[in-house]
Amino acid sequence: MHSDIDTPYYIVYEDRIRRNMEILSHVAKEGGVKIIMAFKANALWKTFPIIADYFKASTASSLNEMKLSLEFLGNEVHTYCPVYTDKSFPEFLKGSSHITFNSLSQFNKFYPMLKEYNNSHPDKQVSAGLRVNPHCSVIETDIYNPCVPGSRFGEKPENLADGLPDGIEGLHFHALCESSSYDLEKVLEAFKTEYGHLLPDIKWLNMGGGHLMTRKDYDIKHLISILNKLHEEYPSLQLIMEPGSAFTWQTGDLVTRVLDVVEDAGIKTAIIDASFACHMPDCLEMPYRPNILEALPDDAAEGHVYRLGGNSCLSGDFTGDWKFAEPLKAGDTLTLLDMNHYTTVKTNMFNGIQHPSIWLSPIKGSPVLLREYTYDDYKTRMD
């Protein structure tokens, strides 16, 4: 808590990021797996110098993500898009080390261009991959489930019964979301049942994201055993994982302030100077209720119950409930925990609501301002 910083503000902690990097580095070494960073979970590039001490490869799903990696993280970019266009694909070729296609039709359309590029650039080869769908669902929330029936992601196994077309060097699946090593084990079995006949013919296997290996209860030893078993079965296969949340899990908070307390139908709402819709959209999409540092434990027998309301005009801009030892009042500070991954990347300026500033708390010294937003940020979005 830093009383001299105006709320609302995000604050990211260097020591917490480095703690996660150490865990990921341990898995990479002991499991013989290349771990790359997924920008869709965190694009706060002013913290990338910390991450680059450990990892310099990334996964990108847009030209902007690719460019961000090339400028601030590293030149090894594993690109995947549901669709490429005639305009975007040549640029992806220039900046990517790996390009994964979502379907055989996309591969057939763009592989001739990739092959021609490789022929004319002997010192910079781009490896082609294909995404597949293991049809194994371990995710309860459909909006985050890539294997939901009717999914648009990945080629079906029946279209690959006779093998892979010439030119495909790797396979990619993504079927997890903040999941465990035991979930990965289930998905791998499903993947091998449907696509295992292809494994002897490829150079690399990208097992996507959703591996929350920096969560306190994640079974790291079990994950490493899974990876080592894969190496025993397929010694020449390079394994790749692209966790998003795991990189910045529990590395930052959103500090906000109560501005008013209102009551209707016996429900007390503390209106804060931040917005769930604008600044914490996953709370409404998932939905989930974040932990608050100042709140009582959920199982507390007593306490004053409040929901929190955002400061936008969206009727649904609220979530709850929490218990507090004392009644909330205007001026009280609340710290919403774990507001870095999948938070700052998804914020918006609906209603023209002012964005929280972003700060970094280094291991030594006072917090450093990374970004402060003004009216011009809102206005220039529409220029």
Foldseek 3Di string as FASTA:
>chain_A
DDVVDDDWAKEFELVLLVLLLVLVLVLCVLLVAAEAAECLFFLLLVCQVSVLVRHQEHEDADPVVLVSSVVRGHQAYAYEYQADDPVCVVVCLVRYQEYEYFEVVRCVVCVVVLVVVCVVCVPRHYAYAYEAALLDAPDDQVVPACNDPVHSGHYYLVVAVVHDDPRHAEYEYEGAALDALVSVVVSVVSCCVRPVVHLQPHQEYEDEERYQSQDPPHDSVSNSVVSVVVCVVHVRYHYYYHYHCSSRFFRMKTKWFFAAWDDDPRAIEGEILAWCVAFVVCCVNSNNDFDKPQFDPPPDPDFDWHKYAYDAPDPPRIDDITGHRDDDGGGDMIIGTGQRTSGPSPGDCVVNRADHWYWYQYPDDHIDTDDGDDSCVVVVVVD
